[in-house]
C-alpha atoms as a PDB file:
ATOM      1  CA  MET A   1      -9.024 -19.111  -7.376  1.00  0.00           C
ATOM      2  CA  ALA A   2     -11.405 -17.838  -4.692  1.00  0.00           C
ATOM      3  CA  VAL A   3     -10.200 -15.087  -2.388  1.00  0.00           C
ATOM      4  CA  GLN A   4     -10.441 -15.987   1.273  1.00  0.00           C
ATOM      5  CA  ILE A   5     -11.069 -13.123   3.656  1.00  0.00           C
ATOM      6  CA  LEU A   6     -10.042 -13.507   7.267  1.00  0.00           C
ATOM      7  CA  GLN A   7     -10.709 -10.908   9.934  1.00  0.00           C
ATOM      8  CA  GLU A   8      -8.940 -10.776  13.264  1.00  0.00           C
ATOM      9  CA  GLN A   9      -8.499  -8.073  15.859  1.00  0.00           C
ATOM     10  CA  THR A  10      -5.209  -6.695  17.167  1.00  0.00           C
ATOM     11  CA  THR A  11      -4.217  -3.825  19.440  1.00  0.00           C
ATOM     12  CA  VAL A  12      -1.724  -1.049  18.769  1.00  0.00           C
ATOM     13  CA  GLN A  13       1.094  -1.540  21.262  1.00  0.00           C
ATOM     14  CA  GLU A  14       3.447   0.972  22.844  1.00  0.00           C
ATOM     15  CA  GLY A  15       5.520   2.669  20.163  1.00  0.00           C
ATOM     16  CA  GLY A  16       2.956   1.902  17.452  1.00  0.00           C
ATOM     17  CA  ARG A  17       3.731  -1.805  17.087  1.00  0.00           C
ATOM     18  CA  LEU A  18       1.132  -4.173  15.694  1.00  0.00           C
ATOM     19  CA  ASP A  19       1.142  -7.933  16.032  1.00  0.00           C
ATOM     20  CA  LEU A  20      -0.419  -9.838  13.151  1.00  0.00           C
ATOM     21  CA  SER A  21      -1.183 -13.535  13.453  1.00  0.00           C
ATOM     22  CA  SER A  22       0.779 -16.046  11.403  1.00  0.00           C
ATOM     23  CA  ARG A  23      -2.550 -17.167   9.945  1.00  0.00           C
ATOM     24  CA  ILE A  24      -3.272 -13.669   8.566  1.00  0.00           C
ATOM     25  CA  LEU A  25       0.266 -13.327   7.225  1.00  0.00           C
ATOM     26  CA  GLU A  26       0.181 -16.765   5.598  1.00  0.00           C
ATOM     27  CA  LEU A  27      -3.133 -16.039   3.913  1.00  0.00           C
ATOM     28  CA  ALA A  28      -1.690 -12.762   2.584  1.00  0.00           C
ATOM     29  CA  GLY A  29       1.484 -14.471   1.354  1.00  0.00           C
ATOM     30  CA  VAL A  30       3.664 -12.386   3.678  1.00  0.00           C
ATOM     31  CA  HIS A  31       6.744 -14.006   5.203  1.00  0.00           C
ATOM     32  CA  ALA A  32       9.486 -13.014   7.653  1.00  0.00           C
ATOM     33  CA  GLY A  33      11.799 -10.505   5.984  1.00  0.00           C
ATOM     34  CA  ASP A  34       9.224  -9.270   3.449  1.00  0.00           C
ATOM     35  CA  SER A  35       8.858  -5.518   3.066  1.00  0.00           C
ATOM     36  CA  LEU A  36       5.437  -3.918   3.412  1.00  0.00           C
ATOM     37  CA  VAL A  37       4.099  -0.556   2.311  1.00  0.00           C
ATOM     38  CA  VAL A  38       1.694   1.083   4.763  1.00  0.00           C
ATOM     39  CA  LEU A  39      -1.032   3.250   3.235  1.00  0.00           C
ATOM     40  CA  THR A  40      -3.360   5.502   5.187  1.00  0.00           C
ATOM     41  CA  VAL A  41      -6.530   5.221   3.136  1.00  0.00           C
ATOM     42  CA  ALA A  42      -8.889   7.274   5.311  1.00  0.00           C
ATOM     43  CA  PRO A  43      -9.273   8.100   9.000  1.00  0.00           C
ATOM     44  CA  GLY A  44      -9.251   4.770  10.798  1.00  0.00           C
ATOM     45  CA  ILE A  45      -8.317   2.764   7.696  1.00  0.00           C
ATOM     46  CA  ILE A  46      -4.779   1.461   7.119  1.00  0.00           C
ATOM     47  CA  GLN A  47      -3.791  -0.854   4.285  1.00  0.00           C
ATOM     48  CA  LEU A  48      -0.672  -3.010   4.148  1.00  0.00           C
ATOM     49  CA  ARG A  49       0.764  -4.171   0.827  1.00  0.00           C
ATOM     50  CA  LYS A  50       3.650  -6.493   0.230  1.00  0.00           C
ATOM     51  CA  VAL A  51       6.424  -4.848  -1.741  1.00  0.00           C
ATOM     52  CA  GLN A  52       7.070  -6.846  -4.873  1.00  0.00           C
ATOM     53  CA  PRO A  53      10.670  -6.376  -5.997  1.00  0.00           C
ATOM     54  CA  PHE A  54      10.898  -5.282  -9.604  1.00  0.00           C
ATOM     55  CA  PRO A  55      13.016  -7.354 -11.913  1.00  0.00           C
ATOM     56  CA  ASP A  56      15.331  -5.403 -14.156  1.00  0.00           C
ATOM     57  CA  LEU A  57      12.855  -3.155 -15.938  1.00  0.00           C
ATOM     58  CA  ASN A  58      13.423  -0.439 -18.460  1.00  0.00           C
ATOM     59  CA  VAL A  59      11.945   3.032 -18.004  1.00  0.00           C
ATOM     60  CA  ALA A  60       8.946   2.331 -20.258  1.00  0.00           C
ATOM     61  CA  GLU A  61       8.008  -0.761 -18.231  1.00  0.00           C
ATOM     62  CA  ILE A  62       8.326   1.127 -14.941  1.00  0.00           C
ATOM     63  CA  LYS A  63       6.119   3.937 -16.279  1.00  0.00           C
ATOM     64  CA  GLN A  64       3.516   1.425 -17.431  1.00  0.00           C
ATOM     65  CA  ARG A  65       3.470  -0.305 -14.020  1.00  0.00           C
ATOM     66  CA  LEU A  66       3.179   3.017 -12.211  1.00  0.00           C
ATOM     67  CA  ARG A  67       0.326   4.067 -14.509  1.00  0.00           C
ATOM     68  CA  GLN A  68      -1.483   0.781 -13.875  1.00  0.00           C
ATOM     69  CA  ALA A  69      -0.969   1.042 -10.098  1.00  0.00           C
ATOM     70  CA  LEU A  70      -2.398   4.586 -10.071  1.00  0.00           C
ATOM     71  CA  ILE A  71      -5.421   3.470 -12.077  1.00  0.00           C
ATOM     72  CA  GLU A  72      -6.032   0.560  -9.687  1.00  0.00           C
ATOM     73  CA  VAL A  73      -6.342   2.952  -6.735  1.00  0.00           C
ATOM     74  CA  GLY A  74      -8.593   5.421  -8.550  1.00  0.00           C
ATOM     75  CA  TYR A  75      -6.175   7.887 -10.144  1.00  0.00           C
ATOM     76  CA  ASN A  76      -7.368   7.180 -13.663  1.00  0.00           C
ATOM     77  CA  ASN A  77      -6.646  10.538 -15.278  1.00  0.00           C
ATOM     78  CA  ARG A  78      -4.011  13.262 -15.263  1.00  0.00           C
ATOM     79  CA  ASP A  79      -6.155  15.769 -13.327  1.00  0.00           C
ATOM     80  CA  LYS A  80      -6.601  13.353 -10.410  1.00  0.00           C
ATOM     81  CA  VAL A  81      -2.869  12.609 -10.282  1.00  0.00           C
ATOM     82  CA  VAL A  82      -1.968  16.314 -10.391  1.00  0.00           C
ATOM     83  CA  ARG A  83      -4.516  17.030  -7.618  1.00  0.00           C
ATOM     84  CA  MET A  84      -3.021  14.231  -5.489  1.00  0.00           C
ATOM     85  CA  LEU A  85       0.516  15.574  -5.964  1.00  0.00           C
ATOM     86  CA  ARG A  86      -0.608  19.095  -5.017  1.00  0.00           C
ATOM     87  CA  GLU A  87      -2.254  17.740  -1.863  1.00  0.00           C
ATOM     88  CA  ILE A  88       0.917  15.874  -0.944  1.00  0.00           C
ATOM     89  CA  ARG A  89       2.995  19.021  -1.454  1.00  0.00           C
ATOM     90  CA  GLN A  90       0.606  20.991   0.771  1.00  0.00           C
ATOM     91  CA  GLU A  91       0.850  18.331   3.485  1.00  0.00           C
ATOM     92  CA  MET A  92       4.645  18.434   3.289  1.00  0.00           C
ATOM     93  CA  VAL A  93       4.638  22.236   3.625  1.00  0.00           C
ATOM     94  CA  HIS A  94       2.501  21.991   6.766  1.00  0.00           C
ATOM     95  CA  GLU A  95       4.707  19.342   8.436  1.00  0.00           C
END
């Protein structure tokens, strides 16, 4: 199945609201009532991901999915994960 990429422009509204077209949402498989995770990837770059509810998983399955998710976004070894957690802690201290 080929991935279709669609680009549209939107404007940040008062209070930080964003309007996304139904066409964009449909292409992404996002529907009314779906939960999204918002990731700040870099200055000026925001990524939205649909939250996929987990079926009843045991601890080993959850750990495996977390490990795979970290690898997919570039945290492919323990040192990188530890560095990320330290950075998050530092950010929390400064907030």
